[in-house]
């Protein structure tokens, strides 16, 4: 059993062994969810990378090689409107 202590600022340090087992790196996010198991509330912690987000990054190919400043974005929208694409 692993024990994690919470500081006065509600921060916690995860043991190295746990981080290695979960393949956690600095900056990773964790999902905490509650479940009822055998009539008892338990908490499940898992890496956020396990969440399926097939849409995440799906528009990246359209943005590649294009500028992202507001002037360029407005110009692109104006061109699309003039062609009837919007």
PDB file of N, CA and C in Angstrom:
ATOM      1  N   UNK A   1       0.849  -1.173   0.000  1.00  0.00           N
ATOM      2  CA  UNK A   1       0.000   0.000   0.000  1.00  0.00           C
ATOM      3  C   UNK A   1       0.894   1.236   0.000  1.00  0.00           C
ATOM      4  N   UNK A   2       0.536   2.207  -0.800  1.00  0.00           N
ATOM      5  CA  UNK A   2       1.268   3.461  -0.873  1.00  0.00           C
ATOM      6  C   UNK A   2       0.487   4.539  -0.148  1.00  0.00           C
ATOM      7  N   UNK A   3       1.175   5.323   0.684  1.00  0.00           N
ATOM      8  CA  UNK A   3       0.545   6.420   1.412  1.00  0.00           C
ATOM      9  C   UNK A   3       1.061   7.729   0.832  1.00  0.00           C
ATOM     10  N   UNK A   4       0.143   8.618   0.544  1.00  0.00           N
ATOM     11  CA  UNK A   4       0.490   9.937   0.022  1.00  0.00           C
ATOM     12  C   UNK A   4      -0.019  10.969   1.022  1.00  0.00           C
ATOM     13  N   UNK A   5       0.853  11.832   1.483  1.00  0.00           N
ATOM     14  CA  UNK A   5       0.479  12.872   2.443  1.00  0.00           C
ATOM     15  C   UNK A   5       0.162  14.169   1.698  1.00  0.00           C
ATOM     16  N   UNK A   6      -0.813  14.893   2.207  1.00  0.00           N
ATOM     17  CA  UNK A   6      -1.227  16.167   1.640  1.00  0.00           C
ATOM     18  C   UNK A   6      -0.673  17.294   2.510  1.00  0.00           C
ATOM     19  N   UNK A   7      -0.061  18.307   1.874  1.00  0.00           N
ATOM     20  CA  UNK A   7       0.486  19.437   2.622  1.00  0.00           C
ATOM     21  C   UNK A   7      -0.623  20.435   2.960  1.00  0.00           C
ATOM     22  N   UNK A   8      -0.271  21.465   3.715  1.00  0.00           N
ATOM     23  CA  UNK A   8      -1.229  22.507   4.080  1.00  0.00           C
ATOM     24  C   UNK A   8      -1.756  23.228   2.836  1.00  0.00           C
ATOM     25  N   UNK A   9      -0.989  23.218   1.760  1.00  0.00           N
ATOM     26  CA  UNK A   9      -1.412  23.848   0.507  1.00  0.00           C
ATOM     27  C   UNK A   9      -2.134  22.863  -0.408  1.00  0.00           C
ATOM     28  N   UNK A  10      -2.515  21.713   0.138  1.00  0.00           N
ATOM     29  CA  UNK A  10      -3.204  20.642  -0.592  1.00  0.00           C
ATOM     30  C   UNK A  10      -2.372  20.094  -1.743  1.00  0.00           C
ATOM     31  N   UNK A  11      -1.068  20.045  -1.566  1.00  0.00           N
ATOM     32  CA  UNK A  11      -0.176  19.463  -2.560  1.00  0.00           C
ATOM     33  C   UNK A  11       0.270  18.089  -2.088  1.00  0.00           C
ATOM     34  N   UNK A  12       0.619  17.252  -3.036  1.00  0.00           N
ATOM     35  CA  UNK A  12       1.055  15.898  -2.708  1.00  0.00           C
ATOM     36  C   UNK A  12       2.271  15.546  -3.557  1.00  0.00           C
ATOM     37  N   UNK A  13       3.133  14.713  -3.009  1.00  0.00           N
ATOM     38  CA  UNK A  13       4.267  14.180  -3.758  1.00  0.00           C
ATOM     39  C   UNK A  13       4.026  12.695  -3.953  1.00  0.00           C
ATOM     40  N   UNK A  14       4.035  12.272  -5.203  1.00  0.00           N
ATOM     41  CA  UNK A  14       3.830  10.855  -5.482  1.00  0.00           C
ATOM     42  C   UNK A  14       5.160  10.124  -5.354  1.00  0.00           C
ATOM     43  N   UNK A  15       5.144   8.966  -4.722  1.00  0.00           N
ATOM     44  CA  UNK A  15       6.382   8.188  -4.595  1.00  0.00           C
ATOM     45  C   UNK A  15       6.968   7.830  -5.967  1.00  0.00           C
ATOM     46  N   UNK A  16       8.284   7.781  -6.017  1.00  0.00           N
ATOM     47  CA  UNK A  16       8.993   7.488  -7.262  1.00  0.00           C
ATOM     48  C   UNK A  16       8.523   6.173  -7.881  1.00  0.00           C
ATOM     49  N   UNK A  17       8.365   5.149  -7.059  1.00  0.00           N
ATOM     50  CA  UNK A  17       7.949   3.837  -7.567  1.00  0.00           C
ATOM     51  C   UNK A  17       6.579   3.918  -8.249  1.00  0.00           C
ATOM     52  N   UNK A  18       5.657   4.666  -7.651  1.00  0.00           N
ATOM     53  CA  UNK A  18       4.330   4.827  -8.233  1.00  0.00           C
ATOM     54  C   UNK A  18       4.413   5.553  -9.575  1.00  0.00           C
ATOM     55  N   UNK A  19       5.217   6.613  -9.640  1.00  0.00           N
ATOM     56  CA  UNK A  19       5.393   7.360 -10.896  1.00  0.00           C
ATOM     57  C   UNK A  19       5.982   6.478 -11.983  1.00  0.00           C
ATOM     58  N   UNK A  20       6.937   5.641 -11.601  1.00  0.00           N
ATOM     59  CA  UNK A  20       7.544   4.734 -12.576  1.00  0.00           C
ATOM     60  C   UNK A  20       6.532   3.716 -13.078  1.00  0.00           C
ATOM     61  N   UNK A  21       5.741   3.150 -12.169  1.00  0.00           N
ATOM     62  CA  UNK A  21       4.732   2.166 -12.561  1.00  0.00           C
ATOM     63  C   UNK A  21       3.678   2.779 -13.473  1.00  0.00           C
ATOM     64  N   UNK A  22       3.304   4.037 -13.200  1.00  0.00           N
ATOM     65  CA  UNK A  22       2.277   4.714 -13.996  1.00  0.00           C
ATOM     66  C   UNK A  22       2.873   5.440 -15.202  1.00  0.00           C
ATOM     67  N   UNK A  23       4.218   5.390 -15.314  1.00  0.00           N
ATOM     68  CA  UNK A  23       4.941   6.070 -16.397  1.00  0.00           C
ATOM     69  C   UNK A  23       4.627   7.558 -16.426  1.00  0.00           C
ATOM     70  N   UNK A  24       4.625   8.171 -15.253  1.00  0.00           N
ATOM     71  CA  UNK A  24       4.350   9.600 -15.133  1.00  0.00           C
ATOM     72  C   UNK A  24       5.623  10.413 -15.251  1.00  0.00           C
ATOM     73  N   UNK A  25       5.509  11.546 -15.911  1.00  0.00           N
ATOM     74  CA  UNK A  25       6.611  12.483 -16.080  1.00  0.00           C
ATOM     75  C   UNK A  25       6.177  13.834 -15.519  1.00  0.00           C
ATOM     76  N   UNK A  26       7.136  14.698 -15.156  1.00  0.00           N
ATOM     77  CA  UNK A  26       6.763  16.036 -14.695  1.00  0.00           C
ATOM     78  C   UNK A  26       5.866  16.739 -15.723  1.00  0.00           C
ATOM     79  N   UNK A  27       4.801  17.344 -15.241  1.00  0.00           N
ATOM     80  CA  UNK A  27       3.861  18.046 -16.113  1.00  0.00           C
ATOM     81  C   UNK A  27       2.693  17.190 -16.566  1.00  0.00           C
ATOM     82  N   UNK A  28       2.753  15.872 -16.355  1.00  0.00           N
ATOM     83  CA  UNK A  28       1.632  15.009 -16.723  1.00  0.00           C
ATOM     84  C   UNK A  28       0.420  15.332 -15.863  1.00  0.00           C
ATOM     85  N   UNK A  29      -0.753  15.064 -16.395  1.00  0.00           N
ATOM     86  CA  UNK A  29      -2.000  15.277 -15.663  1.00  0.00           C
ATOM     87  C   UNK A  29      -2.575  13.930 -15.247  1.00  0.00           C
ATOM     88  N   UNK A  30      -3.309  13.936 -14.146  1.00  0.00           N
ATOM     89  CA  UNK A  30      -3.967  12.733 -13.650  1.00  0.00           C
ATOM     90  C   UNK A  30      -5.465  12.963 -13.598  1.00  0.00           C
ATOM     91  N   UNK A  31      -6.215  11.912 -13.843  1.00  0.00           N
ATOM     92  CA  UNK A  31      -7.664  11.948 -13.713  1.00  0.00           C
ATOM     93  C   UNK A  31      -8.014  11.215 -12.423  1.00  0.00           C
ATOM     94  N   UNK A  32      -8.856  11.826 -11.615  1.00  0.00           N
ATOM     95  CA  UNK A  32      -9.314  11.207 -10.377  1.00  0.00           C
ATOM     96  C   UNK A  32     -10.818  11.032 -10.497  1.00  0.00           C
ATOM     97  N   UNK A  33     -11.279   9.810 -10.321  1.00  0.00           N
ATOM     98  CA  UNK A  33     -12.701   9.514 -10.453  1.00  0.00           C
ATOM     99  C   UNK A  33     -13.132   8.646  -9.288  1.00  0.00           C
ATOM    100  N   UNK A  34     -14.374   8.784  -8.875  1.00  0.00           N
ATOM    101  CA  UNK A  34     -14.875   7.953  -7.781  1.00  0.00           C
ATOM    102  C   UNK A  34     -15.770   6.852  -8.340  1.00  0.00           C
ATOM    103  N   UNK A  35     -15.685   5.697  -7.715  1.00  0.00           N
ATOM    104  CA  UNK A  35     -16.499   4.538  -8.087  1.00  0.00           C
ATOM    105  C   UNK A  35     -17.037   3.893  -6.818  1.00  0.00           C
ATOM    106  N   UNK A  36     -18.083   3.134  -6.958  1.00  0.00           N
ATOM    107  CA  UNK A  36     -18.599   2.339  -5.849  1.00  0.00           C
ATOM    108  C   UNK A  36     -18.208   0.893  -6.120  1.00  0.00           C
ATOM    109  N   UNK A  37     -17.415   0.322  -5.221  1.00  0.00           N
ATOM    110  CA  UNK A  37     -16.968  -1.063  -5.340  1.00  0.00           C
ATOM    111  C   UNK A  37     -17.390  -1.790  -4.076  1.00  0.00           C
ATOM    112  N   UNK A  38     -18.171  -2.845  -4.235  1.00  0.00           N
ATOM    113  CA  UNK A  38     -18.679  -3.606  -3.098  1.00  0.00           C
ATOM    114  C   UNK A  38     -19.338  -2.696  -2.070  1.00  0.00           C
ATOM    115  N   UNK A  39     -20.101  -1.707  -2.554  1.00  0.00           N
ATOM    116  CA  UNK A  39     -20.825  -0.805  -1.670  1.00  0.00           C
ATOM    117  C   UNK A  39     -19.974   0.266  -1.007  1.00  0.00           C
ATOM    118  N   UNK A  40     -18.701   0.339  -1.357  1.00  0.00           N
ATOM    119  CA  UNK A  40     -17.806   1.324  -0.750  1.00  0.00           C
ATOM    120  C   UNK A  40     -17.284   2.277  -1.832  1.00  0.00           C
ATOM    121  N   UNK A  41     -17.229   3.572  -1.481  1.00  0.00           N
ATOM    122  CA  UNK A  41     -16.710   4.551  -2.421  1.00  0.00           C
ATOM    123  C   UNK A  41     -15.189   4.453  -2.453  1.00  0.00           C
ATOM    124  N   UNK A  42     -14.640   4.285  -3.660  1.00  0.00           N
ATOM    125  CA  UNK A  42     -13.191   4.226  -3.848  1.00  0.00           C
ATOM    126  C   UNK A  42     -12.807   5.258  -4.905  1.00  0.00           C
ATOM    127  N   UNK A  43     -11.547   5.666  -4.873  1.00  0.00           N
ATOM    128  CA  UNK A  43     -11.051   6.652  -5.822  1.00  0.00           C
ATOM    129  C   UNK A  43     -10.060   5.987  -6.761  1.00  0.00           C
ATOM    130  N   UNK A  44     -10.209   6.275  -8.035  1.00  0.00           N
ATOM    131  CA  UNK A  44      -9.339   5.719  -9.063  1.00  0.00           C
ATOM    132  C   UNK A  44      -8.527   6.870  -9.659  1.00  0.00           C
ATOM    133  N   UNK A  45      -7.212   6.689  -9.719  1.00  0.00           N
ATOM    134  CA  UNK A  45      -6.319   7.688 -10.288  1.00  0.00           C
ATOM    135  C   UNK A  45      -5.661   7.070 -11.510  1.00  0.00           C
ATOM    136  N   UNK A  46      -5.748   7.772 -12.647  1.00  0.00           N
ATOM    137  CA  UNK A  46      -5.107   7.266 -13.859  1.00  0.00           C
ATOM    138  C   UNK A  46      -4.540   8.424 -14.657  1.00  0.00           C
ATOM    139  N   UNK A  47      -3.512   8.170 -15.458  1.00  0.00           N
ATOM    140  CA  UNK A  47      -2.923   9.222 -16.288  1.00  0.00           C
ATOM    141  C   UNK A  47      -3.955   9.764 -17.279  1.00  0.00           C
ATOM    142  N   UNK A  48      -3.954  11.067 -17.493  1.00  0.00           N
ATOM    143  CA  UNK A  48      -4.899  11.686 -18.422  1.00  0.00           C
ATOM    144  C   UNK A  48      -4.661  11.232 -19.854  1.00  0.00           C
ATOM    145  N   UNK A  49      -3.473  10.753 -20.171  1.00  0.00           N
ATOM    146  CA  UNK A  49      -3.166  10.296 -21.527  1.00  0.00           C
ATOM    147  C   UNK A  49      -4.039   9.118 -21.930  1.00  0.00           C
ATOM    148  N   UNK A  50      -4.650   8.426 -20.955  1.00  0.00           N
ATOM    149  CA  UNK A  50      -5.501   7.288 -21.266  1.00  0.00           C
ATOM    150  C   UNK A  50      -6.849   7.704 -21.851  1.00  0.00           C
ATOM    151  N   UNK A  51      -7.176   8.990 -21.763  1.00  0.00           N
ATOM    152  CA  UNK A  51      -8.440   9.469 -22.310  1.00  0.00           C
ATOM    153  C   UNK A  51      -8.339   9.470 -23.833  1.00  0.00           C
ATOM    154  N   UNK A  52      -9.350   8.929 -24.472  1.00  0.00           N
ATOM    155  CA  UNK A  52      -9.352   8.922 -25.930  1.00  0.00           C
ATOM    156  C   UNK A  52      -9.835  10.276 -26.425  1.00  0.00           C
ATOM    157  N   UNK A  53      -9.008  10.959 -27.187  1.00  0.00           N
ATOM    158  CA  UNK A  53      -9.380  12.233 -27.789  1.00  0.00           C
ATOM    159  C   UNK A  53      -8.975  12.200 -29.264  1.00  0.00           C
ATOM    160  N   UNK A  54      -9.706  11.416 -30.071  1.00  0.00           N
ATOM    161  CA  UNK A  54      -9.334  11.285 -31.472  1.00  0.00           C
ATOM    162  C   UNK A  54      -9.410  12.613 -32.227  1.00  0.00           C
ATOM    163  N   UNK A  55     -10.206  13.543 -31.744  1.00  0.00           N
ATOM    164  CA  UNK A  55     -10.335  14.845 -32.399  1.00  0.00           C
ATOM    165  C   UNK A  55      -9.167  15.767 -32.080  1.00  0.00           C
ATOM    166  N   UNK A  56      -8.446  15.479 -30.992  1.00  0.00           N
ATOM    167  CA  UNK A  56      -7.367  16.370 -30.575  1.00  0.00           C
ATOM    168  C   UNK A  56      -6.272  16.399 -31.627  1.00  0.00           C
ATOM    169  N   UNK A  57      -5.977  17.568 -32.122  1.00  0.00           N
ATOM    170  CA  UNK A  57      -4.939  17.718 -33.140  1.00  0.00           C
ATOM    171  C   UNK A  57      -5.396  17.385 -34.546  1.00  0.00           C
ATOM    172  N   UNK A  58      -6.681  17.096 -34.727  1.00  0.00           N
ATOM    173  CA  UNK A  58      -7.156  16.677 -36.047  1.00  0.00           C
ATOM    174  C   UNK A  58      -7.091  17.787 -37.096  1.00  0.00           C
ATOM    175  N   UNK A  59      -7.028  19.048 -36.652  1.00  0.00           N
ATOM    176  CA  UNK A  59      -6.956  20.160 -37.601  1.00  0.00           C
ATOM    177  C   UNK A  59      -5.533  20.648 -37.838  1.00  0.00           C
ATOM    178  N   UNK A  60      -4.581  19.999 -37.211  1.00  0.00           N
ATOM    179  CA  UNK A  60      -3.190  20.421 -37.311  1.00  0.00           C
ATOM    180  C   UNK A  60      -2.700  20.468 -38.760  1.00  0.00           C
ATOM    181  N   UNK A  61      -3.117  19.516 -39.591  1.00  0.00           N
ATOM    182  CA  UNK A  61      -2.643  19.476 -40.978  1.00  0.00           C
ATOM    183  C   UNK A  61      -3.108  20.705 -41.764  1.00  0.00           C
ATOM    184  N   UNK A  62      -4.283  21.255 -41.413  1.00  0.00           N
ATOM    185  CA  UNK A  62      -4.784  22.440 -42.103  1.00  0.00           C
ATOM    186  C   UNK A  62      -3.986  23.687 -41.727  1.00  0.00           C
ATOM    187  N   UNK A  63      -3.423  23.714 -40.530  1.00  0.00           N
ATOM    188  CA  UNK A  63      -2.706  24.884 -40.038  1.00  0.00           C
ATOM    189  C   UNK A  63      -1.225  24.864 -40.396  1.00  0.00           C
ATOM    190  N   UNK A  64      -0.729  23.725 -40.805  1.00  0.00           N
ATOM    191  CA  UNK A  64       0.704  23.598 -41.083  1.00  0.00           C
ATOM    192  C   UNK A  64       1.137  24.560 -42.193  1.00  0.00           C
ATOM    193  N   UNK A  65       2.185  25.306 -41.904  1.00  0.00           N
ATOM    194  CA  UNK A  65       2.743  26.223 -42.888  1.00  0.00           C
ATOM    195  C   UNK A  65       1.981  27.530 -43.022  1.00  0.00           C
ATOM    196  N   UNK A  66       0.969  27.757 -42.185  1.00  0.00           N
ATOM    197  CA  UNK A  66       0.195  28.987 -42.252  1.00  0.00           C
ATOM    198  C   UNK A  66       0.496  29.861 -41.050  1.00  0.00           C
ATOM    199  N   UNK A  67       0.354  31.161 -41.246  1.00  0.00           N
ATOM    200  CA  UNK A  67       0.565  32.104 -40.160  1.00  0.00           C
ATOM    201  C   UNK A  67      -0.674  32.112 -39.262  1.00  0.00           C
ATOM    202  N   UNK A  68      -0.474  32.445 -37.994  1.00  0.00           N
ATOM    203  CA  UNK A  68      -1.579  32.415 -37.038  1.00  0.00           C
ATOM    204  C   UNK A  68      -1.815  33.754 -36.357  1.00  0.00           C
ATOM    205  N   UNK A  69      -1.298  34.824 -36.923  1.00  0.00           N
ATOM    206  CA  UNK A  69      -1.575  36.137 -36.349  1.00  0.00           C
ATOM    207  C   UNK A  69      -2.971  36.574 -36.811  1.00  0.00           C
ATOM    208  N   UNK A  70      -3.588  37.529 -36.117  1.00  0.00           N
ATOM    209  CA  UNK A  70      -4.968  37.919 -36.404  1.00  0.00           C
ATOM    210  C   UNK A  70      -5.137  38.468 -37.822  1.00  0.00           C
ATOM    211  N   UNK A  71      -4.172  39.207 -38.313  1.00  0.00           N
ATOM    212  CA  UNK A  71      -4.275  39.758 -39.668  1.00  0.00           C
ATOM    213  C   UNK A  71      -4.382  38.627 -40.691  1.00  0.00           C
ATOM    214  N   UNK A  72      -3.560  37.599 -40.530  1.00  0.00           N
ATOM    215  CA  UNK A  72      -3.589  36.463 -41.453  1.00  0.00           C
ATOM    216  C   UNK A  72      -4.880  35.672 -41.331  1.00  0.00           C
ATOM    217  N   UNK A  73      -5.364  35.524 -40.117  1.00  0.00           N
ATOM    218  CA  UNK A  73      -6.613  34.778 -39.901  1.00  0.00           C
ATOM    219  C   UNK A  73      -7.778  35.514 -40.547  1.00  0.00           C
ATOM    220  N   UNK A  74      -7.857  36.835 -40.336  1.00  0.00           N
ATOM    221  CA  UNK A  74      -8.941  37.621 -40.933  1.00  0.00           C
ATOM    222  C   UNK A  74      -8.887  37.564 -42.464  1.00  0.00           C
ATOM    223  N   UNK A  75      -7.678  37.613 -43.013  1.00  0.00           N
ATOM    224  CA  UNK A  75      -7.515  37.535 -44.465  1.00  0.00           C
ATOM    225  C   UNK A  75      -8.011  36.186 -44.989  1.00  0.00           C
ATOM    226  N   UNK A  76      -7.663  35.118 -44.293  1.00  0.00           N
ATOM    227  CA  UNK A  76      -8.080  33.778 -44.690  1.00  0.00           C
ATOM    228  C   UNK A  76      -9.599  33.624 -44.638  1.00  0.00           C
ATOM    229  N   UNK A  77     -10.220  34.168 -43.578  1.00  0.00           N
ATOM    230  CA  UNK A  77     -11.683  34.106 -43.450  1.00  0.00           C
ATOM    231  C   UNK A  77     -12.339  34.910 -44.566  1.00  0.00           C
ATOM    232  N   UNK A  78     -11.808  36.094 -44.866  1.00  0.00           N
ATOM    233  CA  UNK A  78     -12.357  36.932 -45.941  1.00  0.00           C
ATOM    234  C   UNK A  78     -12.276  36.212 -47.286  1.00  0.00           C
ATOM    235  N   UNK A  79     -11.163  35.541 -47.546  1.00  0.00           N
ATOM    236  CA  UNK A  79     -11.013  34.799 -48.803  1.00  0.00           C
ATOM    237  C   UNK A  79     -12.026  33.653 -48.891  1.00  0.00           C
ATOM    238  N   UNK A  80     -12.220  32.962 -47.781  1.00  0.00           N
ATOM    239  CA  UNK A  80     -13.173  31.856 -47.758  1.00  0.00           C
ATOM    240  C   UNK A  80     -14.596  32.364 -47.994  1.00  0.00           C
ATOM    241  N   UNK A  81     -14.925  33.517 -47.414  1.00  0.00           N
ATOM    242  CA  UNK A  81     -16.268  34.097 -47.610  1.00  0.00           C
ATOM    243  C   UNK A  81     -16.473  34.525 -49.061  1.00  0.00           C
ATOM    244  N   UNK A  82     -15.454  35.087 -49.661  1.00  0.00           N
ATOM    245  CA  UNK A  82     -15.586  35.560 -51.047  1.00  0.00           C
ATOM    246  C   UNK A  82     -15.743  34.382 -52.022  1.00  0.00           C
ATOM    247  N   UNK A  83     -15.240  33.226 -51.660  1.00  0.00           N
ATOM    248  CA  UNK A  83     -15.383  32.034 -52.511  1.00  0.00           C
ATOM    249  C   UNK A  83     -16.653  31.251 -52.207  1.00  0.00           C
ATOM    250  N   UNK A  84     -17.412  31.718 -51.210  1.00  0.00           N
ATOM    251  CA  UNK A  84     -18.636  31.020 -50.818  1.00  0.00           C
ATOM    252  C   UNK A  84     -18.403  29.800 -49.958  1.00  0.00           C
ATOM    253  N   UNK A  85     -17.202  29.661 -49.380  1.00  0.00           N
ATOM    254  CA  UNK A  85     -16.901  28.505 -48.544  1.00  0.00           C
ATOM    255  C   UNK A  85     -17.471  28.653 -47.139  1.00  0.00           C
ATOM    256  N   UNK A  86     -17.768  29.885 -46.738  1.00  0.00           N
ATOM    257  CA  UNK A  86     -18.342  30.116 -45.396  1.00  0.00           C
ATOM    258  C   UNK A  86     -19.717  30.704 -45.498  1.00  0.00           C
TER     259      UNK A  86
END
